[in-house]
């Protein structure tokens, strides 16, 4: 009887350890994503400000359209690249957060 209780305690402790390891991985991943988003926002703001200055300083309407067109193209490419990168980061978080459970599931499957 005592053996069963100790086994249950050990199982509970092991499951808690796995869960905490998974949460730790998720927390680090979300912090990395938050940092990446903050960096992107700062860069995007700086590029937008530079584009406005360029637009305001344009000597002709053609140059203004050219400046706006260049900015829109660059902003779009930057945005798509950033969204792709963040999507990959989320995917990595999911994979890394699942890894601790792989051993537990392998033991259960035996």
N, C-alpha and C. Protein backbone atom coordinates (compact mmCIF):
# COMPACT_ATOMS: atom_id res chain seq x y z
N UNK A 1 0.82 -1.20 0.00
CA UNK A 1 0.00 0.00 0.00
C UNK A 1 0.86 1.26 0.00
N UNK A 2 1.91 1.24 0.81
CA UNK A 2 2.79 2.40 0.89
C UNK A 2 3.51 2.63 -0.43
N UNK A 3 3.84 1.57 -1.12
CA UNK A 3 4.51 1.68 -2.41
C UNK A 3 3.64 2.41 -3.42
N UNK A 4 2.35 2.11 -3.43
CA UNK A 4 1.43 2.78 -4.36
C UNK A 4 1.35 4.28 -4.08
N UNK A 5 1.32 4.64 -2.81
CA UNK A 5 1.26 6.05 -2.43
C UNK A 5 2.52 6.77 -2.88
N UNK A 6 3.67 6.14 -2.68
CA UNK A 6 4.94 6.73 -3.10
C UNK A 6 5.01 6.85 -4.63
N UNK A 7 4.48 5.85 -5.32
CA UNK A 7 4.45 5.90 -6.78
C UNK A 7 3.57 7.06 -7.27
N UNK A 8 2.44 7.23 -6.60
CA UNK A 8 1.53 8.32 -6.97
C UNK A 8 2.19 9.67 -6.71
N UNK A 9 2.89 9.78 -5.57
CA UNK A 9 3.59 11.03 -5.25
C UNK A 9 4.67 11.32 -6.29
N UNK A 10 5.43 10.30 -6.65
CA UNK A 10 6.50 10.47 -7.64
C UNK A 10 5.91 10.87 -8.99
N UNK A 11 4.82 10.22 -9.38
CA UNK A 11 4.16 10.55 -10.64
C UNK A 11 3.68 12.01 -10.63
N UNK A 12 3.09 12.42 -9.52
CA UNK A 12 2.64 13.81 -9.39
C UNK A 12 3.78 14.80 -9.48
N UNK A 13 4.88 14.48 -8.81
CA UNK A 13 6.06 15.34 -8.86
C UNK A 13 6.65 15.39 -10.27
N UNK A 14 6.75 14.24 -10.90
CA UNK A 14 7.29 14.19 -12.27
C UNK A 14 6.41 15.00 -13.23
N UNK A 15 5.10 14.85 -13.10
CA UNK A 15 4.19 15.61 -13.97
C UNK A 15 4.30 17.11 -13.73
N UNK A 16 4.46 17.50 -12.46
CA UNK A 16 4.62 18.93 -12.14
C UNK A 16 5.93 19.46 -12.73
N UNK A 17 6.99 18.66 -12.65
CA UNK A 17 8.28 19.06 -13.22
C UNK A 17 8.17 19.26 -14.74
N UNK A 18 7.49 18.34 -15.39
CA UNK A 18 7.31 18.43 -16.85
C UNK A 18 6.51 19.68 -17.19
N UNK A 19 5.46 19.92 -16.45
CA UNK A 19 4.62 21.08 -16.70
C UNK A 19 5.40 22.38 -16.49
N UNK A 20 6.18 22.45 -15.43
CA UNK A 20 6.96 23.66 -15.15
C UNK A 20 8.03 23.88 -16.22
N UNK A 21 8.63 22.80 -16.69
CA UNK A 21 9.62 22.90 -17.75
C UNK A 21 8.97 23.44 -19.03
N UNK A 22 7.80 22.95 -19.33
CA UNK A 22 7.07 23.40 -20.51
C UNK A 22 6.67 24.87 -20.38
N UNK A 23 6.17 25.26 -19.22
CA UNK A 23 5.79 26.66 -19.00
C UNK A 23 7.00 27.58 -19.08
N UNK A 24 8.15 27.11 -18.56
CA UNK A 24 9.38 27.90 -18.63
C UNK A 24 9.79 28.15 -20.07
N UNK A 25 9.68 27.12 -20.87
CA UNK A 25 10.01 27.24 -22.29
C UNK A 25 9.06 28.22 -22.98
N UNK A 26 7.79 28.11 -22.68
CA UNK A 26 6.80 29.00 -23.28
C UNK A 26 7.05 30.46 -22.86
N UNK A 27 7.37 30.66 -21.60
CA UNK A 27 7.61 32.01 -21.10
C UNK A 27 8.80 32.64 -21.81
N UNK A 28 9.89 31.89 -21.94
CA UNK A 28 11.06 32.41 -22.64
C UNK A 28 10.73 32.73 -24.10
N UNK A 29 9.97 31.87 -24.73
CA UNK A 29 9.60 32.10 -26.12
C UNK A 29 8.74 33.34 -26.30
N UNK A 30 7.76 33.52 -25.41
CA UNK A 30 6.89 34.69 -25.50
C UNK A 30 7.67 35.98 -25.21
N UNK A 31 8.65 35.91 -24.32
CA UNK A 31 9.50 37.07 -24.06
C UNK A 31 10.30 37.42 -25.31
N UNK A 32 10.81 36.41 -26.00
CA UNK A 32 11.57 36.64 -27.23
C UNK A 32 10.67 37.27 -28.30
N UNK A 33 9.44 36.80 -28.39
CA UNK A 33 8.50 37.37 -29.37
C UNK A 33 8.17 38.81 -29.01
N UNK A 34 7.93 39.09 -27.74
CA UNK A 34 7.64 40.46 -27.32
C UNK A 34 8.80 41.39 -27.64
N UNK A 35 10.01 40.91 -27.41
CA UNK A 35 11.20 41.71 -27.74
C UNK A 35 11.30 41.95 -29.24
N UNK A 36 11.04 40.92 -30.02
CA UNK A 36 11.08 41.03 -31.48
C UNK A 36 10.04 42.03 -31.98
N UNK A 37 8.84 41.98 -31.43
CA UNK A 37 7.78 42.90 -31.84
C UNK A 37 8.15 44.33 -31.46
N UNK A 38 8.71 44.53 -30.27
CA UNK A 38 9.12 45.88 -29.85
C UNK A 38 10.21 46.42 -30.77
N UNK A 39 11.17 45.58 -31.12
CA UNK A 39 12.23 46.01 -32.04
C UNK A 39 11.66 46.38 -33.41
N UNK A 40 10.73 45.56 -33.89
CA UNK A 40 10.10 45.83 -35.18
C UNK A 40 9.32 47.15 -35.14
N UNK A 41 8.59 47.38 -34.06
CA UNK A 41 7.82 48.62 -33.94
C UNK A 41 8.73 49.83 -33.95
N UNK A 42 9.83 49.73 -33.24
CA UNK A 42 10.79 50.85 -33.20
C UNK A 42 11.35 51.10 -34.60
N UNK A 43 11.78 50.03 -35.26
CA UNK A 43 12.34 50.15 -36.61
C UNK A 43 11.30 50.70 -37.58
N UNK A 44 10.08 50.21 -37.48
CA UNK A 44 9.01 50.65 -38.36
C UNK A 44 8.70 52.14 -38.14
N UNK A 45 8.69 52.56 -36.90
CA UNK A 45 8.44 53.98 -36.60
C UNK A 45 9.54 54.85 -37.19
N UNK A 46 10.79 54.42 -37.02
CA UNK A 46 11.92 55.19 -37.55
C UNK A 46 11.86 55.27 -39.08
N UNK A 47 11.54 54.16 -39.72
CA UNK A 47 11.43 54.16 -41.18
C UNK A 47 10.27 55.02 -41.65
N UNK A 48 9.17 54.99 -40.91
CA UNK A 48 8.01 55.83 -41.25
C UNK A 48 8.33 57.30 -41.11
N UNK A 49 9.03 57.64 -40.05
CA UNK A 49 9.43 59.04 -39.84
C UNK A 49 10.36 59.52 -40.95
N UNK A 50 11.31 58.67 -41.32
CA UNK A 50 12.23 59.02 -42.41
C UNK A 50 11.47 59.19 -43.72
N UNK A 51 10.48 58.35 -43.95
CA UNK A 51 9.69 58.44 -45.18
C UNK A 51 8.88 59.74 -45.21
N UNK A 52 8.33 60.14 -44.08
CA UNK A 52 7.57 61.39 -44.01
C UNK A 52 8.49 62.57 -44.30
N UNK A 53 9.68 62.55 -43.72
CA UNK A 53 10.64 63.63 -43.99
C UNK A 53 11.01 63.69 -45.47
N UNK A 54 11.20 62.53 -46.05
CA UNK A 54 11.53 62.46 -47.47
C UNK A 54 10.36 62.97 -48.32
N UNK A 55 9.16 62.61 -47.92
CA UNK A 55 7.96 63.03 -48.64
C UNK A 55 7.77 64.54 -48.55
N UNK A 56 7.96 65.08 -47.36
CA UNK A 56 7.80 66.52 -47.15
C UNK A 56 8.89 67.30 -47.90
N UNK A 57 10.07 66.72 -47.98
CA UNK A 57 11.19 67.39 -48.64
C UNK A 57 11.22 67.21 -50.15
N UNK A 58 10.26 66.50 -50.69
CA UNK A 58 10.24 66.26 -52.14
C UNK A 58 10.03 67.58 -52.88
N UNK A 59 10.78 67.76 -53.95
CA UNK A 59 10.72 69.01 -54.73
C UNK A 59 9.61 69.00 -55.78
N UNK A 60 9.16 67.81 -56.13
CA UNK A 60 8.10 67.73 -57.14
C UNK A 60 7.11 66.64 -56.75
N UNK A 61 5.99 66.67 -57.44
CA UNK A 61 4.95 65.69 -57.18
C UNK A 61 5.43 64.28 -57.56
N UNK A 62 6.19 64.18 -58.63
CA UNK A 62 6.73 62.88 -59.04
C UNK A 62 7.65 62.30 -57.97
N UNK A 63 8.50 63.15 -57.40
CA UNK A 63 9.41 62.69 -56.36
C UNK A 63 8.64 62.29 -55.10
N UNK A 64 7.56 62.98 -54.82
CA UNK A 64 6.73 62.64 -53.66
C UNK A 64 6.07 61.27 -53.86
N UNK A 65 5.53 61.04 -55.06
CA UNK A 65 4.93 59.74 -55.35
C UNK A 65 5.97 58.63 -55.31
N UNK A 66 7.15 58.93 -55.81
CA UNK A 66 8.23 57.94 -55.79
C UNK A 66 8.64 57.60 -54.35
N UNK A 67 8.75 58.62 -53.51
CA UNK A 67 9.11 58.40 -52.10
C UNK A 67 8.04 57.58 -51.40
N UNK A 68 6.77 57.91 -51.66
CA UNK A 68 5.67 57.18 -51.03
C UNK A 68 5.64 55.74 -51.52
N UNK A 69 5.82 55.56 -52.79
CA UNK A 69 5.82 54.21 -53.38
C UNK A 69 6.95 53.36 -52.81
N UNK A 70 8.14 53.95 -52.71
CA UNK A 70 9.28 53.23 -52.12
C UNK A 70 9.00 52.83 -50.68
N UNK A 71 8.43 53.75 -49.93
CA UNK A 71 8.13 53.46 -48.52
C UNK A 71 7.09 52.34 -48.39
N UNK A 72 6.04 52.41 -49.17
CA UNK A 72 4.98 51.40 -49.09
C UNK A 72 5.54 50.02 -49.44
N UNK A 73 6.35 49.96 -50.48
CA UNK A 73 6.95 48.69 -50.88
C UNK A 73 7.85 48.14 -49.77
N UNK A 74 8.71 48.98 -49.24
CA UNK A 74 9.62 48.57 -48.17
C UNK A 74 8.86 48.17 -46.91
N UNK A 75 7.85 48.95 -46.55
CA UNK A 75 7.06 48.65 -45.34
C UNK A 75 6.33 47.31 -45.49
N UNK A 76 5.78 47.07 -46.67
CA UNK A 76 5.06 45.81 -46.91
C UNK A 76 6.01 44.62 -46.81
N UNK A 77 7.15 44.71 -47.47
CA UNK A 77 8.13 43.62 -47.44
C UNK A 77 8.63 43.37 -46.01
N UNK A 78 8.85 44.45 -45.30
CA UNK A 78 9.31 44.33 -43.91
C UNK A 78 8.24 43.66 -43.04
N UNK A 79 6.99 44.07 -43.24
CA UNK A 79 5.88 43.50 -42.47
C UNK A 79 5.72 42.01 -42.74
N UNK A 80 5.75 41.63 -44.01
CA UNK A 80 5.60 40.22 -44.36
C UNK A 80 6.75 39.40 -43.77
N UNK A 81 7.95 39.93 -43.86
CA UNK A 81 9.10 39.25 -43.27
C UNK A 81 8.97 39.08 -41.76
N UNK A 82 8.50 40.13 -41.11
CA UNK A 82 8.35 40.08 -39.65
C UNK A 82 7.26 39.10 -39.24
N UNK A 83 6.14 39.11 -39.94
CA UNK A 83 5.05 38.18 -39.62
C UNK A 83 5.51 36.74 -39.82
N UNK A 84 6.27 36.50 -40.86
CA UNK A 84 6.80 35.16 -41.11
C UNK A 84 7.73 34.74 -39.98
N UNK A 85 8.60 35.64 -39.58
CA UNK A 85 9.55 35.35 -38.51
C UNK A 85 8.83 35.06 -37.19
N UNK A 86 7.82 35.85 -36.87
CA UNK A 86 7.08 35.63 -35.62
C UNK A 86 6.29 34.33 -35.70
N UNK A 87 5.75 34.01 -36.85
CA UNK A 87 5.06 32.73 -37.03
C UNK A 87 5.99 31.56 -36.77
N UNK A 88 7.21 31.66 -37.28
CA UNK A 88 8.21 30.62 -37.04
C UNK A 88 8.58 30.54 -35.55
N UNK A 89 8.63 31.69 -34.90
CA UNK A 89 8.94 31.69 -33.46
C UNK A 89 7.83 30.99 -32.67
N UNK A 90 6.58 31.26 -33.03
CA UNK A 90 5.46 30.58 -32.37
C UNK A 90 5.52 29.08 -32.60
N UNK A 91 5.87 28.68 -33.79
CA UNK A 91 6.00 27.26 -34.11
C UNK A 91 7.09 26.61 -33.25
N UNK A 92 8.21 27.29 -33.10
CA UNK A 92 9.30 26.78 -32.27
C UNK A 92 8.88 26.68 -30.80
N UNK A 93 8.12 27.65 -30.33
CA UNK A 93 7.63 27.60 -28.94
C UNK A 93 6.77 26.35 -28.75
N UNK A 94 5.88 26.11 -29.69
CA UNK A 94 5.00 24.94 -29.57
C UNK A 94 5.81 23.65 -29.55
N UNK A 95 6.80 23.54 -30.44
CA UNK A 95 7.64 22.34 -30.48
C UNK A 95 8.42 22.17 -29.19
N UNK A 96 9.03 23.26 -28.72
CA UNK A 96 9.86 23.19 -27.51
C UNK A 96 9.02 22.93 -26.26
N UNK A 97 7.82 23.49 -26.22
CA UNK A 97 6.95 23.28 -25.06
C UNK A 97 6.42 21.85 -25.02
N UNK A 98 6.33 21.21 -26.16
CA UNK A 98 5.82 19.83 -26.22
C UNK A 98 6.89 18.80 -25.88
N UNK A 99 8.16 19.15 -26.08
CA UNK A 99 9.25 18.19 -25.88
C UNK A 99 9.23 17.51 -24.50
N UNK A 100 9.01 18.22 -23.41
CA UNK A 100 8.99 17.53 -22.11
C UNK A 100 7.91 16.45 -22.00
N UNK A 101 6.83 16.64 -22.75
CA UNK A 101 5.74 15.67 -22.68
C UNK A 101 6.02 14.42 -23.52
N UNK A 102 6.96 14.52 -24.45
CA UNK A 102 7.25 13.37 -25.31
C UNK A 102 7.69 12.15 -24.50
N UNK A 103 8.58 12.37 -23.52
CA UNK A 103 9.05 11.25 -22.69
C UNK A 103 7.90 10.66 -21.88
N UNK A 104 7.07 11.51 -21.32
CA UNK A 104 5.94 11.03 -20.53
C UNK A 104 5.00 10.20 -21.40
N UNK A 105 4.70 10.71 -22.58
CA UNK A 105 3.80 9.97 -23.47
C UNK A 105 4.43 8.67 -23.96
N UNK A 106 5.74 8.67 -24.12
CA UNK A 106 6.44 7.44 -24.54
C UNK A 106 6.33 6.37 -23.44
N UNK A 107 6.44 6.80 -22.18
CA UNK A 107 6.32 5.86 -21.05
C UNK A 107 4.90 5.31 -20.95
N UNK A 108 3.92 6.16 -21.18
CA UNK A 108 2.53 5.74 -21.10
C UNK A 108 2.19 4.76 -22.22
N UNK A 109 2.79 4.98 -23.39
CA UNK A 109 2.52 4.14 -24.54
C UNK A 109 3.11 2.73 -24.40
N UNK A 110 4.06 2.54 -23.48
CA UNK A 110 4.69 1.22 -23.34
C UNK A 110 3.87 0.27 -22.52
